[in-house]
Amino acid sequence: MQCPYCGKEMEEGYLSSRSPVFWSEGVSGLPIPTRSGEFLLGGKLAGLISRPKAHLCRDCGVVITRC
């Protein structure tokens, strides 16, 4: 995959965290999605572990993942 910002090839890997990685409009203060509209990255929770595939551009500091 090419970086949409600089056009260089991105590295393929995974996102890792002690708790699920999710998107929220604001900081919820909780380590799991609890509000309507919060979006879990990487699909379903399996024992609170989610390892979504991701691409990294080290030059731009950009990470792209598909949910």
PDB file of N, CA and C in Angstrom:
ATOM      1  N   MET A   1       0.851  -1.176   0.000  1.00  0.00           N
ATOM      2  CA  MET A   1       0.000   0.000   0.000  1.00  0.00           C
ATOM      3  C   MET A   1       0.895   1.236   0.000  1.00  0.00           C
ATOM      4  N   GLN A   2       0.510   2.223  -0.772  1.00  0.00           N
ATOM      5  CA  GLN A   2       1.269   3.465  -0.821  1.00  0.00           C
ATOM      6  C   GLN A   2       0.645   4.510   0.103  1.00  0.00           C
ATOM      7  N   CYS A   3       1.499   5.280   0.748  1.00  0.00           N
ATOM      8  CA  CYS A   3       1.042   6.341   1.640  1.00  0.00           C
ATOM      9  C   CYS A   3       0.282   7.390   0.823  1.00  0.00           C
ATOM     10  N   PRO A   4      -0.905   7.765   1.269  1.00  0.00           N
ATOM     11  CA  PRO A   4      -1.674   8.769   0.535  1.00  0.00           C
ATOM     12  C   PRO A   4      -1.088  10.180   0.640  1.00  0.00           C
ATOM     13  N   TYR A   5      -0.133  10.379   1.540  1.00  0.00           N
ATOM     14  CA  TYR A   5       0.462  11.703   1.732  1.00  0.00           C
ATOM     15  C   TYR A   5       1.755  11.893   0.956  1.00  0.00           C
ATOM     16  N   CYS A   6       2.661  10.887   1.002  1.00  0.00           N
ATOM     17  CA  CYS A   6       3.960  11.042   0.338  1.00  0.00           C
ATOM     18  C   CYS A   6       4.160  10.092  -0.836  1.00  0.00           C
ATOM     19  N   GLY A   7       3.316   9.063  -0.950  1.00  0.00           N
ATOM     20  CA  GLY A   7       3.399   8.129  -2.060  1.00  0.00           C
ATOM     21  C   GLY A   7       4.388   6.988  -1.875  1.00  0.00           C
ATOM     22  N   LYS A   8       5.118   6.968  -0.758  1.00  0.00           N
ATOM     23  CA  LYS A   8       6.072   5.881  -0.510  1.00  0.00           C
ATOM     24  C   LYS A   8       5.335   4.624  -0.059  1.00  0.00           C
ATOM     25  N   GLU A   9       6.011   3.475  -0.228  1.00  0.00           N
ATOM     26  CA  GLU A   9       5.438   2.205   0.204  1.00  0.00           C
ATOM     27  C   GLU A   9       5.329   2.168   1.728  1.00  0.00           C
ATOM     28  N   MET A  10       4.189   1.686   2.229  1.00  0.00           N
ATOM     29  CA  MET A  10       3.955   1.591   3.666  1.00  0.00           C
ATOM     30  C   MET A  10       4.292   0.183   4.149  1.00  0.00           C
ATOM     31  N   GLU A  11       4.684   0.074   5.418  1.00  0.00           N
ATOM     32  CA  GLU A  11       4.986  -1.209   6.032  1.00  0.00           C
ATOM     33  C   GLU A  11       3.699  -1.835   6.560  1.00  0.00           C
ATOM     34  N   GLU A  12       3.539  -3.145   6.345  1.00  0.00           N
ATOM     35  CA  GLU A  12       2.366  -3.853   6.836  1.00  0.00           C
ATOM     36  C   GLU A  12       2.655  -4.423   8.220  1.00  0.00           C
ATOM     37  N   GLY A  13       1.684  -4.329   9.114  1.00  0.00           N
ATOM     38  CA  GLY A  13       1.843  -4.862  10.459  1.00  0.00           C
ATOM     39  C   GLY A  13       0.509  -4.884  11.187  1.00  0.00           C
ATOM     40  N   TYR A  14       0.542  -4.747  12.498  1.00  0.00           N
ATOM     41  CA  TYR A  14      -0.656  -4.806  13.329  1.00  0.00           C
ATOM     42  C   TYR A  14      -0.608  -3.714  14.390  1.00  0.00           C
ATOM     43  N   LEU A  15      -1.776  -3.245  14.815  1.00  0.00           N
ATOM     44  CA  LEU A  15      -1.878  -2.355  15.966  1.00  0.00           C
ATOM     45  C   LEU A  15      -1.993  -3.217  17.211  1.00  0.00           C
ATOM     46  N   SER A  16      -1.315  -2.840  18.259  1.00  0.00           N
ATOM     47  CA  SER A  16      -1.392  -3.576  19.518  1.00  0.00           C
ATOM     48  C   SER A  16      -1.645  -2.601  20.659  1.00  0.00           C
ATOM     49  N   SER A  17      -2.369  -3.082  21.654  1.00  0.00           N
ATOM     50  CA  SER A  17      -2.703  -2.259  22.803  1.00  0.00           C
ATOM     51  C   SER A  17      -3.084  -3.176  23.956  1.00  0.00           C
ATOM     52  N   ARG A  18      -2.978  -2.678  25.173  1.00  0.00           N
ATOM     53  CA  ARG A  18      -3.428  -3.463  26.327  1.00  0.00           C
ATOM     54  C   ARG A  18      -4.946  -3.516  26.395  1.00  0.00           C
ATOM     55  N   SER A  19      -5.584  -2.580  25.758  1.00  0.00           N
ATOM     56  CA  SER A  19      -7.042  -2.574  25.694  1.00  0.00           C
ATOM     57  C   SER A  19      -7.425  -2.353  24.232  1.00  0.00           C
ATOM     58  N   PRO A  20      -8.687  -2.535  23.887  1.00  0.00           N
ATOM     59  CA  PRO A  20      -9.089  -2.370  22.494  1.00  0.00           C
ATOM     60  C   PRO A  20      -8.767  -0.972  21.966  1.00  0.00           C
ATOM     61  N   VAL A  21      -8.472  -0.898  20.691  1.00  0.00           N
ATOM     62  CA  VAL A  21      -8.259   0.381  20.020  1.00  0.00           C
ATOM     63  C   VAL A  21      -9.580   0.762  19.376  1.00  0.00           C
ATOM     64  N   PHE A  22     -10.057   1.955  19.692  1.00  0.00           N
ATOM     65  CA  PHE A  22     -11.328   2.384  19.112  1.00  0.00           C
ATOM     66  C   PHE A  22     -11.312   3.881  18.857  1.00  0.00           C
ATOM     67  N   TRP A  23     -12.175   4.301  17.943  1.00  0.00           N
ATOM     68  CA  TRP A  23     -12.311   5.709  17.599  1.00  0.00           C
ATOM     69  C   TRP A  23     -13.458   6.298  18.398  1.00  0.00           C
ATOM     70  N   SER A  24     -13.266   7.540  18.867  1.00  0.00           N
ATOM     71  CA  SER A  24     -14.297   8.253  19.600  1.00  0.00           C
ATOM     72  C   SER A  24     -14.160   9.744  19.306  1.00  0.00           C
ATOM     73  N   GLU A  25     -15.256  10.465  19.344  1.00  0.00           N
ATOM     74  CA  GLU A  25     -15.208  11.916  19.119  1.00  0.00           C
ATOM     75  C   GLU A  25     -14.445  12.631  20.220  1.00  0.00           C
ATOM     76  N   GLY A  26     -14.429  12.049  21.402  1.00  0.00           N
ATOM     77  CA  GLY A  26     -13.728  12.653  22.531  1.00  0.00           C
ATOM     78  C   GLY A  26     -13.123  11.576  23.403  1.00  0.00           C
ATOM     79  N   VAL A  27     -12.352  11.973  24.380  1.00  0.00           N
ATOM     80  CA  VAL A  27     -11.740  11.021  25.296  1.00  0.00           C
ATOM     81  C   VAL A  27     -12.810  10.542  26.268  1.00  0.00           C
ATOM     82  N   SER A  28     -13.040   9.227  26.300  1.00  0.00           N
ATOM     83  CA  SER A  28     -14.104   8.701  27.153  1.00  0.00           C
ATOM     84  C   SER A  28     -13.615   8.391  28.555  1.00  0.00           C
ATOM     85  N   GLY A  29     -12.312   8.112  28.709  1.00  0.00           N
ATOM     86  CA  GLY A  29     -11.785   7.755  30.015  1.00  0.00           C
ATOM     87  C   GLY A  29     -11.922   6.274  30.327  1.00  0.00           C
ATOM     88  N   LEU A  30     -12.617   5.529  29.475  1.00  0.00           N
ATOM     89  CA  LEU A  30     -12.766   4.085  29.668  1.00  0.00           C
ATOM     90  C   LEU A  30     -11.978   3.347  28.588  1.00  0.00           C
ATOM     91  N   PRO A  31     -11.418   2.168  28.896  1.00  0.00           N
ATOM     92  CA  PRO A  31     -10.585   1.461  27.931  1.00  0.00           C
ATOM     93  C   PRO A  31     -11.358   0.643  26.901  1.00  0.00           C
ATOM     94  N   ILE A  32     -12.685   0.700  26.930  1.00  0.00           N
ATOM     95  CA  ILE A  32     -13.491  -0.013  25.936  1.00  0.00           C
ATOM     96  C   ILE A  32     -14.568   0.929  25.406  1.00  0.00           C
ATOM     97  N   PRO A  33     -15.033   0.698  24.173  1.00  0.00           N
ATOM     98  CA  PRO A  33     -16.090   1.556  23.633  1.00  0.00           C
ATOM     99  C   PRO A  33     -17.392   1.373  24.417  1.00  0.00           C
ATOM    100  N   THR A  34     -17.960   2.473  24.888  1.00  0.00           N
ATOM    101  CA  THR A  34     -19.197   2.412  25.676  1.00  0.00           C
ATOM    102  C   THR A  34     -20.269   3.371  25.171  1.00  0.00           C
ATOM    103  N   ARG A  35     -19.879   4.362  24.385  1.00  0.00           N
ATOM    104  CA  ARG A  35     -20.832   5.364  23.919  1.00  0.00           C
ATOM    105  C   ARG A  35     -21.326   5.046  22.509  1.00  0.00           C
ATOM    106  N   SER A  36     -22.522   5.483  22.216  1.00  0.00           N
ATOM    107  CA  SER A  36     -23.049   5.367  20.862  1.00  0.00           C
ATOM    108  C   SER A  36     -22.155   6.149  19.909  1.00  0.00           C
ATOM    109  N   GLY A  37     -21.816   5.568  18.793  1.00  0.00           N
ATOM    110  CA  GLY A  37     -20.981   6.241  17.812  1.00  0.00           C
ATOM    111  C   GLY A  37     -19.501   5.899  17.921  1.00  0.00           C
ATOM    112  N   GLU A  38     -19.062   5.301  19.033  1.00  0.00           N
ATOM    113  CA  GLU A  38     -17.671   4.862  19.137  1.00  0.00           C
ATOM    114  C   GLU A  38     -17.480   3.637  18.258  1.00  0.00           C
ATOM    115  N   PHE A  39     -16.318   3.550  17.635  1.00  0.00           N
ATOM    116  CA  PHE A  39     -16.098   2.533  16.612  1.00  0.00           C
ATOM    117  C   PHE A  39     -14.860   1.703  16.942  1.00  0.00           C
ATOM    118  N   LEU A  40     -15.060   0.414  17.156  1.00  0.00           N
ATOM    119  CA  LEU A  40     -13.981  -0.506  17.481  1.00  0.00           C
ATOM    120  C   LEU A  40     -13.161  -0.817  16.235  1.00  0.00           C
ATOM    121  N   LEU A  41     -11.858  -0.606  16.297  1.00  0.00           N
ATOM    122  CA  LEU A  41     -10.974  -0.929  15.184  1.00  0.00           C
ATOM    123  C   LEU A  41     -10.599  -2.398  15.269  1.00  0.00           C
ATOM    124  N   GLY A  42     -10.681  -3.105  14.166  1.00  0.00           N
ATOM    125  CA  GLY A  42     -10.282  -4.503  14.143  1.00  0.00           C
ATOM    126  C   GLY A  42     -11.413  -5.484  14.357  1.00  0.00           C
ATOM    127  N   GLY A  43     -12.648  -5.025  14.403  1.00  0.00           N
ATOM    128  CA  GLY A  43     -13.764  -5.958  14.491  1.00  0.00           C
ATOM    129  C   GLY A  43     -14.172  -6.312  15.898  1.00  0.00           C
ATOM    130  N   LYS A  44     -14.548  -7.576  16.102  1.00  0.00           N
ATOM    131  CA  LYS A  44     -15.091  -8.039  17.375  1.00  0.00           C
ATOM    132  C   LYS A  44     -14.018  -8.152  18.455  1.00  0.00           C
ATOM    133  N   LEU A  45     -14.466  -8.001  19.684  1.00  0.00           N
ATOM    134  CA  LEU A  45     -13.569  -8.201  20.827  1.00  0.00           C
ATOM    135  C   LEU A  45     -13.478  -9.690  21.130  1.00  0.00           C
ATOM    136  N   ALA A  46     -12.279 -10.163  21.407  1.00  0.00           N
ATOM    137  CA  ALA A  46     -12.064 -11.546  21.822  1.00  0.00           C
ATOM    138  C   ALA A  46     -11.295 -11.494  23.127  1.00  0.00           C
ATOM    139  N   GLY A  47     -12.011 -11.464  24.236  1.00  0.00           N
ATOM    140  CA  GLY A  47     -11.340 -11.337  25.524  1.00  0.00           C
ATOM    141  C   GLY A  47     -10.655  -9.987  25.677  1.00  0.00           C
ATOM    142  N   LEU A  48     -11.253  -8.948  25.125  1.00  0.00           N
ATOM    143  CA  LEU A  48     -10.758  -7.576  25.144  1.00  0.00           C
ATOM    144  C   LEU A  48      -9.440  -7.413  24.370  1.00  0.00           C
ATOM    145  N   ILE A  49      -9.142  -8.323  23.459  1.00  0.00           N
ATOM    146  CA  ILE A  49      -7.946  -8.198  22.631  1.00  0.00           C
ATOM    147  C   ILE A  49      -8.362  -8.049  21.181  1.00  0.00           C
ATOM    148  N   SER A  50      -7.854  -7.033  20.543  1.00  0.00           N
ATOM    149  CA  SER A  50      -8.103  -6.789  19.134  1.00  0.00           C
ATOM    150  C   SER A  50      -6.785  -6.382  18.501  1.00  0.00           C
ATOM    151  N   ARG A  51      -6.389  -7.028  17.433  1.00  0.00           N
ATOM    152  CA  ARG A  51      -5.133  -6.735  16.757  1.00  0.00           C
ATOM    153  C   ARG A  51      -5.412  -6.424  15.282  1.00  0.00           C
ATOM    154  N   PRO A  52      -5.925  -5.235  14.998  1.00  0.00           N
ATOM    155  CA  PRO A  52      -6.229  -4.905  13.607  1.00  0.00           C
ATOM    156  C   PRO A  52      -4.967  -4.776  12.760  1.00  0.00           C
ATOM    157  N   LYS A  53      -5.039  -5.281  11.517  1.00  0.00           N
ATOM    158  CA  LYS A  53      -3.947  -5.083  10.560  1.00  0.00           C
ATOM    159  C   LYS A  53      -3.842  -3.597  10.258  1.00  0.00           C
ATOM    160  N   ALA A  54      -2.625  -3.137  10.034  1.00  0.00           N
ATOM    161  CA  ALA A  54      -2.411  -1.716   9.769  1.00  0.00           C
ATOM    162  C   ALA A  54      -1.191  -1.526   8.884  1.00  0.00           C
ATOM    163  N   HIS A  55      -1.141  -0.378   8.223  1.00  0.00           N
ATOM    164  CA  HIS A  55       0.002   0.008   7.398  1.00  0.00           C
ATOM    165  C   HIS A  55       0.602   1.280   7.987  1.00  0.00           C
ATOM    166  N   LEU A  56       1.931   1.331   8.044  1.00  0.00           N
ATOM    167  CA  LEU A  56       2.648   2.439   8.663  1.00  0.00           C
ATOM    168  C   LEU A  56       3.547   3.134   7.650  1.00  0.00           C
ATOM    169  N   CYS A  57       3.506   4.460   7.606  1.00  0.00           N
ATOM    170  CA  CYS A  57       4.478   5.268   6.881  1.00  0.00           C
ATOM    171  C   CYS A  57       5.325   5.951   7.941  1.00  0.00           C
ATOM    172  N   ARG A  58       6.557   5.502   8.077  1.00  0.00           N
ATOM    173  CA  ARG A  58       7.450   6.071   9.091  1.00  0.00           C
ATOM    174  C   ARG A  58       7.804   7.517   8.777  1.00  0.00           C
ATOM    175  N   ASP A  59       7.878   7.867   7.489  1.00  0.00           N
ATOM    176  CA  ASP A  59       8.236   9.233   7.103  1.00  0.00           C
ATOM    177  C   ASP A  59       7.161  10.235   7.510  1.00  0.00           C
ATOM    178  N   CYS A  60       5.895   9.879   7.320  1.00  0.00           N
ATOM    179  CA  CYS A  60       4.785  10.798   7.610  1.00  0.00           C
ATOM    180  C   CYS A  60       4.198  10.587   9.007  1.00  0.00           C
ATOM    181  N   GLY A  61       4.477   9.440   9.634  1.00  0.00           N
ATOM    182  CA  GLY A  61       3.878   9.140  10.928  1.00  0.00           C
ATOM    183  C   GLY A  61       2.401   8.809  10.796  1.00  0.00           C
ATOM    184  N   VAL A  62       2.019   8.206   9.665  1.00  0.00           N
ATOM    185  CA  VAL A  62       0.637   7.884   9.370  1.00  0.00           C
ATOM    186  C   VAL A  62       0.412   6.379   9.521  1.00  0.00           C
ATOM    187  N   VAL A  63      -0.678   5.988  10.189  1.00  0.00           N
ATOM    188  CA  VAL A  63      -1.081   4.595  10.276  1.00  0.00           C
ATOM    189  C   VAL A  63      -2.469   4.495   9.665  1.00  0.00           C
ATOM    190  N   ILE A  64      -2.641   3.508   8.771  1.00  0.00           N
ATOM    191  CA  ILE A  64      -3.930   3.283   8.126  1.00  0.00           C
ATOM    192  C   ILE A  64      -4.363   1.859   8.446  1.00  0.00           C
ATOM    193  N   THR A  65      -5.625   1.707   8.876  1.00  0.00           N
ATOM    194  CA  THR A  65      -6.176   0.387   9.155  1.00  0.00           C
ATOM    195  C   THR A  65      -7.558   0.294   8.548  1.00  0.00           C
ATOM    196  N   ARG A  66      -7.959  -0.925   8.206  1.00  0.00           N
ATOM    197  CA  ARG A  66      -9.321  -1.186   7.743  1.00  0.00           C
ATOM    198  C   ARG A  66     -10.052  -1.864   8.864  1.00  0.00           C
ATOM    199  N   CYS A  67     -11.281  -1.459   9.077  1.00  0.00           N
ATOM    200  CA  CYS A  67     -12.054  -1.992  10.199  1.00  0.00           C
ATOM    201  C   CYS A  67     -12.918  -3.156   9.783  1.00  0.00           C
TER     202      CYS A  67
END
